[in-house]
Amino acid sequence: MRYALGIEYDGTDFFGWQRLSHGRSVQGEVEAALSFVAAHPVEVTCAGRTDAGVHARCQVVHFDSDARRSERAWALGTNSRLPRDVAVLWAREVPDAFHARFGARARRYRYTILNRPVRAALAARFVTWERVPLDAARMQAAAQSLVGEHDFSAFRTVQCQAKSPMRNLHEIRVAREGDEVAIEVEANAFLHHMVRNIVGSLLPVGRGERDPDWIAALLAGRDRSVAGPTAPASGLCFIAPRYPRDWPLPDDLLR
């Protein structure tokens, strides 16, 4: 039988999603908990791997098991074995053809910037602090040049192992919400550090240090060395993947 899980986590104290021979990983914690509930070794495949310090509101994974457990038992039993910074939100039995990674039509991220003169205490693990006032409207205007299918070489890390820099960015929205500036991005897939590098280039635009058309010039130039720095991981959260409506998943993941 194949099952899908929705998982949220605080990525602050992890070396990232992917299982490692050294250091703490979200995948390692999830697989250990599932293996206990299933009473046999379990390996999971996720919709999108996250880096060290990056969070997830609804990471989706699939795994196979012959163990007969209810959906409720998979969720609650796994949570009973997980640490406080990881939680299973739901479990669903899915057809064998479902694949958490290859079946996803899109992935959505949100980057949150705390934009005020003083740093955060309560929200510090989940935001990036920027004390200089940001013009969210300028950032929004600049970001629209990224929408569509492009070569995103200017916004990929040099360690990126993707075979192609081409990605289709469906939507990017920058909006102020009180003291926070939120940047939401949806694409078919992302390059390594792509969202954080986009944010790092939008920040100088928001501070008035660069014109909005600088982002379009960076995209066309395809040169990572002249773009902005990589924004910190703390502000980035993987919101969710999107799947076709014929899969038995929660409605907010389907389109």
Foldseek 3Di string as FASTA:
>chain_A
DKKKWWKWFQQAQFQWADDDPDTHHVQVQQQVQQCVLQVHGKHKDWQAITGHLATAPTIMIMIDGPRDDDFVCSQVSSQVRGDPGMHTPTMDDWDPPDGNHVQFQKWKKKFKEQEDQDDDDPLNQAHHYDPQAFDQVQLQLLCVLVAAWAQLLLQADPPWPDPGSTWHWHDWHWDDDDRMIMIMTMTRDDIHLRVQQSVQQSRCRRNVNDGSPVSNVSRVVSHNVPGGDGHDNSRMYTYATAGDPVIPDDPVRYD
